[in-house]
N, C-alpha and C. Protein backbone atom coordinates (compact mmCIF):
# COMPACT_ATOMS: atom_id res chain seq x y z
N ALA A 1 -31.28 -20.65 -5.31
CA ALA A 1 -30.97 -19.84 -6.51
C ALA A 1 -30.45 -18.47 -6.12
N GLY A 2 -30.33 -18.21 -4.82
CA GLY A 2 -29.89 -16.85 -4.45
C GLY A 2 -28.29 -16.77 -4.29
N HIS A 3 -27.82 -15.58 -3.97
CA HIS A 3 -26.39 -15.50 -3.81
C HIS A 3 -26.16 -15.12 -2.41
N PRO A 4 -25.59 -16.05 -1.56
CA PRO A 4 -25.31 -15.69 -0.13
C PRO A 4 -24.43 -14.49 -0.01
N GLU A 5 -23.47 -14.32 -0.99
CA GLU A 5 -22.56 -13.09 -0.85
C GLU A 5 -23.28 -11.81 -0.96
N ARG A 6 -24.43 -11.80 -1.62
CA ARG A 6 -25.16 -10.58 -1.94
C ARG A 6 -25.48 -9.83 -0.60
N SER A 7 -25.92 -10.57 0.43
CA SER A 7 -26.29 -9.99 1.67
C SER A 7 -25.06 -9.35 2.36
N SER A 8 -23.86 -9.81 2.06
CA SER A 8 -22.63 -9.40 2.73
C SER A 8 -21.86 -8.37 1.82
N ALA A 9 -22.45 -8.02 0.69
CA ALA A 9 -21.78 -7.11 -0.28
C ALA A 9 -21.59 -5.72 0.38
N GLY A 10 -22.58 -5.28 1.09
CA GLY A 10 -22.47 -3.98 1.78
C GLY A 10 -21.48 -4.09 2.95
N THR A 11 -21.43 -5.12 3.58
CA THR A 11 -20.40 -5.37 4.66
C THR A 11 -18.98 -5.45 4.02
N GLY A 12 -18.86 -6.08 2.95
CA GLY A 12 -17.54 -6.20 2.24
C GLY A 12 -17.06 -4.80 1.86
N GLN A 13 -17.87 -3.90 1.32
CA GLN A 13 -17.52 -2.61 1.00
C GLN A 13 -17.11 -1.79 2.19
N LEU A 14 -17.82 -2.03 3.27
CA LEU A 14 -17.51 -1.28 4.50
C LEU A 14 -16.18 -1.77 5.06
N VAL A 15 -15.99 -3.04 4.98
CA VAL A 15 -14.66 -3.60 5.51
C VAL A 15 -13.62 -3.06 4.66
N LEU A 16 -13.69 -3.08 3.34
CA LEU A 16 -12.64 -2.52 2.41
C LEU A 16 -12.34 -1.05 2.74
N SER A 17 -13.47 -0.33 2.91
CA SER A 17 -13.32 1.15 3.19
C SER A 17 -12.57 1.44 4.46
N ARG A 18 -12.85 0.60 5.48
CA ARG A 18 -12.14 0.73 6.73
C ARG A 18 -10.70 0.38 6.65
N MET A 19 -10.37 -0.70 5.73
CA MET A 19 -9.02 -1.14 5.56
C MET A 19 -8.28 -0.05 4.77
N PHE A 20 -8.79 0.53 3.71
CA PHE A 20 -8.16 1.52 2.97
C PHE A 20 -7.82 2.69 3.83
N GLU A 21 -8.82 3.11 4.68
CA GLU A 21 -8.62 4.23 5.60
C GLU A 21 -7.49 3.89 6.64
N TYR A 22 -7.53 2.75 7.10
CA TYR A 22 -6.40 2.40 8.09
C TYR A 22 -5.06 2.38 7.42
N ILE A 23 -4.93 1.80 6.18
CA ILE A 23 -3.61 1.79 5.49
C ILE A 23 -3.21 3.18 5.22
N SER A 24 -4.05 4.05 4.73
CA SER A 24 -3.70 5.43 4.40
C SER A 24 -3.24 6.28 5.58
N THR A 25 -3.66 5.86 6.72
CA THR A 25 -3.24 6.65 7.96
C THR A 25 -2.12 5.95 8.73
N HIS A 26 -1.77 4.70 8.42
CA HIS A 26 -0.75 3.99 9.15
C HIS A 26 0.37 3.46 8.20
N TYR A 27 0.41 3.78 6.90
CA TYR A 27 1.33 3.29 6.00
C TYR A 27 2.83 3.52 6.39
N GLN A 28 3.06 4.57 7.20
CA GLN A 28 4.38 4.96 7.55
C GLN A 28 5.01 4.00 8.62
N SER A 29 4.21 3.13 9.27
CA SER A 29 4.65 2.15 10.23
C SER A 29 4.20 0.80 9.73
N ARG A 30 4.72 -0.18 10.48
CA ARG A 30 4.49 -1.54 10.06
C ARG A 30 2.91 -1.84 10.36
N ILE A 31 2.24 -2.43 9.40
CA ILE A 31 0.88 -2.72 9.46
C ILE A 31 0.70 -4.33 9.65
N LEU A 32 0.17 -4.77 10.68
CA LEU A 32 -0.04 -6.18 10.90
C LEU A 32 -1.48 -6.53 10.54
N ALA A 33 -1.63 -7.77 10.01
CA ALA A 33 -2.91 -8.26 9.63
C ALA A 33 -3.82 -8.26 10.92
N SER A 34 -3.27 -8.50 12.05
CA SER A 34 -4.09 -8.52 13.33
C SER A 34 -4.61 -7.16 13.63
N GLU A 35 -3.81 -6.10 13.28
CA GLU A 35 -4.36 -4.73 13.56
C GLU A 35 -5.46 -4.38 12.56
N LEU A 36 -5.25 -4.74 11.30
CA LEU A 36 -6.37 -4.52 10.27
C LEU A 36 -7.58 -5.20 10.74
N ALA A 37 -7.41 -6.49 11.16
CA ALA A 37 -8.54 -7.27 11.50
C ALA A 37 -9.32 -6.61 12.70
N GLU A 38 -8.49 -6.19 13.66
CA GLU A 38 -9.20 -5.55 14.79
C GLU A 38 -9.89 -4.25 14.46
N HIS A 39 -9.28 -3.52 13.52
CA HIS A 39 -9.92 -2.24 13.06
C HIS A 39 -11.25 -2.48 12.36
N THR A 40 -11.34 -3.61 11.65
CA THR A 40 -12.54 -3.95 10.92
C THR A 40 -13.49 -4.79 11.64
N GLY A 41 -13.06 -5.51 12.73
CA GLY A 41 -13.92 -6.39 13.49
C GLY A 41 -14.06 -7.75 12.92
N PHE A 42 -13.22 -8.09 11.95
CA PHE A 42 -13.25 -9.50 11.34
C PHE A 42 -11.89 -10.15 11.59
N SER A 43 -11.83 -11.46 11.28
CA SER A 43 -10.59 -12.18 11.46
C SER A 43 -9.62 -11.89 10.34
N PRO A 44 -8.37 -12.03 10.64
CA PRO A 44 -7.28 -11.80 9.67
C PRO A 44 -7.55 -12.66 8.42
N GLU A 45 -7.93 -13.88 8.65
CA GLU A 45 -8.23 -14.78 7.48
C GLU A 45 -9.29 -14.28 6.63
N TYR A 46 -10.37 -13.83 7.22
CA TYR A 46 -11.53 -13.30 6.46
C TYR A 46 -11.15 -12.07 5.64
N ILE A 47 -10.50 -11.04 6.33
CA ILE A 47 -10.14 -9.86 5.61
C ILE A 47 -9.12 -10.08 4.53
N GLY A 48 -8.28 -11.03 4.68
CA GLY A 48 -7.24 -11.37 3.72
C GLY A 48 -7.91 -11.95 2.45
N LYS A 49 -8.75 -12.94 2.61
CA LYS A 49 -9.52 -13.56 1.49
C LYS A 49 -10.39 -12.53 0.79
N MET A 50 -11.14 -11.75 1.60
CA MET A 50 -12.07 -10.73 1.01
C MET A 50 -11.31 -9.71 0.17
N PHE A 51 -10.15 -9.20 0.82
CA PHE A 51 -9.41 -8.19 0.09
C PHE A 51 -8.87 -8.71 -1.22
N ARG A 52 -8.31 -9.91 -1.21
CA ARG A 52 -7.76 -10.46 -2.41
C ARG A 52 -8.87 -10.64 -3.47
N LYS A 53 -10.00 -11.09 -3.06
CA LYS A 53 -11.12 -11.31 -3.99
C LYS A 53 -11.66 -9.99 -4.58
N GLU A 54 -11.78 -8.95 -3.76
CA GLU A 54 -12.30 -7.60 -4.16
C GLU A 54 -11.27 -6.74 -4.93
N VAL A 55 -10.04 -6.82 -4.46
CA VAL A 55 -9.00 -5.82 -4.96
C VAL A 55 -8.11 -6.54 -5.98
N GLY A 56 -8.00 -7.89 -5.89
CA GLY A 56 -7.19 -8.61 -6.91
C GLY A 56 -5.79 -8.81 -6.49
N VAL A 57 -5.31 -8.30 -5.33
CA VAL A 57 -3.97 -8.52 -4.90
C VAL A 57 -4.08 -8.78 -3.31
N CYS A 58 -3.01 -9.38 -2.79
CA CYS A 58 -3.03 -9.52 -1.30
C CYS A 58 -2.80 -8.20 -0.62
N ILE A 59 -3.17 -8.13 0.64
CA ILE A 59 -3.06 -6.91 1.45
C ILE A 59 -1.61 -6.34 1.46
N SER A 60 -0.64 -7.30 1.62
CA SER A 60 0.73 -6.79 1.75
C SER A 60 1.27 -6.20 0.43
N LYS A 61 0.80 -6.79 -0.68
CA LYS A 61 1.21 -6.19 -2.01
C LYS A 61 0.53 -4.79 -2.17
N TYR A 62 -0.75 -4.75 -1.82
CA TYR A 62 -1.42 -3.39 -1.90
C TYR A 62 -0.65 -2.34 -1.03
N ILE A 63 -0.23 -2.71 0.13
CA ILE A 63 0.40 -1.75 1.04
C ILE A 63 1.72 -1.35 0.44
N LEU A 64 2.43 -2.26 -0.14
CA LEU A 64 3.76 -1.97 -0.73
C LEU A 64 3.52 -0.97 -1.96
N HIS A 65 2.54 -1.23 -2.75
CA HIS A 65 2.27 -0.32 -3.90
C HIS A 65 1.82 1.04 -3.30
N TYR A 66 1.02 1.10 -2.28
CA TYR A 66 0.54 2.35 -1.74
C TYR A 66 1.79 3.20 -1.24
N ARG A 67 2.68 2.49 -0.53
CA ARG A 67 3.83 3.14 -0.05
C ARG A 67 4.67 3.73 -1.12
N ILE A 68 4.93 2.98 -2.28
CA ILE A 68 5.59 3.49 -3.40
C ILE A 68 4.96 4.68 -4.02
N GLU A 69 3.62 4.64 -4.14
CA GLU A 69 2.90 5.83 -4.64
C GLU A 69 3.16 7.08 -3.75
N ARG A 70 3.09 6.93 -2.55
CA ARG A 70 3.45 8.01 -1.56
C ARG A 70 4.81 8.46 -1.78
N ALA A 71 5.74 7.51 -1.95
CA ALA A 71 7.20 7.85 -2.20
C ALA A 71 7.33 8.68 -3.44
N CYS A 72 6.64 8.26 -4.58
CA CYS A 72 6.69 8.96 -5.75
C CYS A 72 6.24 10.40 -5.54
N TRP A 73 5.17 10.60 -4.82
CA TRP A 73 4.68 11.96 -4.54
C TRP A 73 5.75 12.74 -3.81
N GLU A 74 6.32 12.19 -2.77
CA GLU A 74 7.28 12.91 -2.01
C GLU A 74 8.64 13.23 -2.82
N LEU A 75 9.01 12.23 -3.71
CA LEU A 75 10.14 12.50 -4.57
C LEU A 75 10.08 13.66 -5.44
N LEU A 76 8.85 13.89 -5.94
CA LEU A 76 8.49 15.00 -6.80
C LEU A 76 8.15 16.28 -6.11
N ASN A 77 7.69 16.17 -4.84
CA ASN A 77 7.11 17.36 -4.24
C ASN A 77 7.89 17.84 -2.87
N THR A 78 8.93 17.15 -2.52
CA THR A 78 9.64 17.63 -1.39
C THR A 78 11.14 17.59 -1.78
N GLU A 79 11.93 18.19 -0.89
CA GLU A 79 13.37 18.18 -1.06
C GLU A 79 14.03 17.10 -0.20
N LYS A 80 13.27 16.10 0.33
CA LYS A 80 13.78 15.15 1.18
C LYS A 80 14.69 14.18 0.45
N SER A 81 15.67 13.64 1.20
CA SER A 81 16.56 12.65 0.51
C SER A 81 15.82 11.29 0.34
N VAL A 82 16.41 10.42 -0.44
CA VAL A 82 15.80 9.12 -0.74
C VAL A 82 15.65 8.38 0.58
N ASN A 83 16.67 8.46 1.48
CA ASN A 83 16.71 7.82 2.68
C ASN A 83 15.52 8.30 3.59
N GLU A 84 15.31 9.62 3.62
CA GLU A 84 14.24 10.17 4.45
C GLU A 84 12.89 9.67 3.94
N ILE A 85 12.77 9.67 2.61
CA ILE A 85 11.47 9.26 2.04
C ILE A 85 11.30 7.79 2.26
N ALA A 86 12.22 6.99 2.17
CA ALA A 86 12.21 5.54 2.52
C ALA A 86 11.63 5.40 3.98
N ALA A 87 12.20 6.16 4.89
CA ALA A 87 11.67 6.07 6.31
C ALA A 87 10.36 6.56 6.41
N ASP A 88 10.04 7.69 5.76
CA ASP A 88 8.69 8.32 5.80
C ASP A 88 7.56 7.39 5.22
N THR A 89 7.89 6.45 4.37
CA THR A 89 6.88 5.64 3.74
C THR A 89 6.91 4.24 4.21
N GLY A 90 7.53 3.96 5.39
CA GLY A 90 7.42 2.71 6.08
C GLY A 90 8.52 1.68 5.70
N PHE A 91 9.52 2.12 5.00
CA PHE A 91 10.69 1.28 4.59
C PHE A 91 11.88 1.55 5.58
N TYR A 92 12.18 0.55 6.45
CA TYR A 92 13.24 0.89 7.33
C TYR A 92 14.62 0.42 6.80
N ASP A 93 14.65 0.05 5.58
CA ASP A 93 15.98 -0.40 4.90
C ASP A 93 15.97 0.32 3.56
N SER A 94 16.81 1.43 3.37
CA SER A 94 16.70 2.15 2.14
C SER A 94 17.08 1.34 0.91
N SER A 95 17.96 0.35 1.19
CA SER A 95 18.29 -0.52 -0.09
C SER A 95 17.14 -1.38 -0.49
N TYR A 96 16.34 -1.85 0.48
CA TYR A 96 15.12 -2.62 0.13
C TYR A 96 14.15 -1.61 -0.49
N PHE A 97 14.00 -0.43 -0.08
CA PHE A 97 13.20 0.59 -0.61
C PHE A 97 13.52 0.76 -2.05
N THR A 98 14.78 1.05 -2.36
CA THR A 98 15.32 1.20 -3.70
C THR A 98 14.96 -0.06 -4.62
N LYS A 99 15.17 -1.21 -4.16
CA LYS A 99 14.85 -2.41 -4.85
C LYS A 99 13.40 -2.56 -5.26
N VAL A 100 12.51 -2.33 -4.23
CA VAL A 100 11.06 -2.38 -4.43
C VAL A 100 10.66 -1.24 -5.42
N PHE A 101 11.24 -0.11 -5.24
CA PHE A 101 10.92 1.12 -6.06
C PHE A 101 11.19 0.75 -7.48
N LYS A 102 12.40 0.29 -7.71
CA LYS A 102 12.87 0.00 -9.12
C LYS A 102 11.98 -1.15 -9.74
N ASN A 103 11.61 -2.09 -8.91
CA ASN A 103 10.80 -3.24 -9.36
C ASN A 103 9.44 -2.70 -9.87
N ILE A 104 8.87 -1.81 -9.14
CA ILE A 104 7.54 -1.25 -9.43
C ILE A 104 7.57 -0.15 -10.50
N CYS A 105 8.55 0.76 -10.33
CA CYS A 105 8.51 1.98 -11.18
C CYS A 105 9.51 1.80 -12.49
N GLY A 106 10.34 0.89 -12.37
CA GLY A 106 11.30 0.68 -13.49
C GLY A 106 12.63 1.50 -13.43
N VAL A 107 12.70 2.39 -12.47
CA VAL A 107 13.87 3.23 -12.24
C VAL A 107 14.16 3.29 -10.81
N THR A 108 15.40 3.75 -10.44
CA THR A 108 15.66 3.98 -9.03
C THR A 108 14.97 5.18 -8.51
N PRO A 109 14.76 5.34 -7.23
CA PRO A 109 14.09 6.68 -6.68
C PRO A 109 14.89 7.91 -7.06
N GLY A 110 16.29 7.85 -7.10
CA GLY A 110 17.06 9.00 -7.45
C GLY A 110 16.85 9.38 -8.92
N CYS A 111 16.77 8.44 -9.78
CA CYS A 111 16.61 8.65 -11.17
C CYS A 111 15.12 9.20 -11.40
N TYR A 112 14.12 8.69 -10.66
CA TYR A 112 12.77 9.19 -10.75
C TYR A 112 12.73 10.66 -10.35
N LYS A 113 13.40 10.95 -9.23
CA LYS A 113 13.41 12.33 -8.76
C LYS A 113 14.13 13.28 -9.79
N ALA A 114 15.26 12.86 -10.32
CA ALA A 114 16.08 13.61 -11.18
C ALA A 114 15.27 13.89 -12.53
N ASN A 115 14.49 12.99 -12.95
CA ASN A 115 13.68 13.09 -14.23
C ASN A 115 12.30 13.56 -14.01
N ARG A 116 12.06 13.99 -12.76
CA ARG A 116 10.72 14.47 -12.37
C ARG A 116 9.57 13.53 -12.74
N GLY A 117 9.86 12.25 -12.57
CA GLY A 117 8.86 11.24 -12.79
C GLY A 117 8.73 10.73 -14.16
N ASN A 118 9.49 11.34 -15.14
CA ASN A 118 9.43 11.05 -16.53
C ASN A 118 10.52 9.92 -16.83
N HIS A 119 10.11 8.75 -16.96
CA HIS A 119 11.16 7.72 -17.24
C HIS A 119 10.74 6.90 -18.52
N GLY A 120 11.69 6.97 -19.37
CA GLY A 120 11.49 6.19 -20.70
C GLY A 120 11.06 7.18 -21.79
N GLY A 121 11.38 6.94 -22.96
CA GLY A 121 10.97 7.65 -24.10
C GLY A 121 11.64 8.92 -24.24
């Protein structure tokens, strides 16, 4: 009648914390599941399942959203070009960056910057 996950709850939080820390310091370059696994000391399969269960999205989707959040900040707080920001946030193809940005934010990066983040209404 016990919950076997309960004993690993602390471990799960520690693993998540280490993953978030790794992503926040490495988002500008390619992040491999094997690197995250090595950083946490668990297998790529384990961290993938655990991350999805705890966060609600897969690791790659979380990283994509994290990069776009950083890009939004840079668009509003720097004078960098869209191409520079794309490269700074781990996108090596600026057209892919624009596509992902528009999909997540609803507007292109240039439009977002021009409107200071206010889009719609």
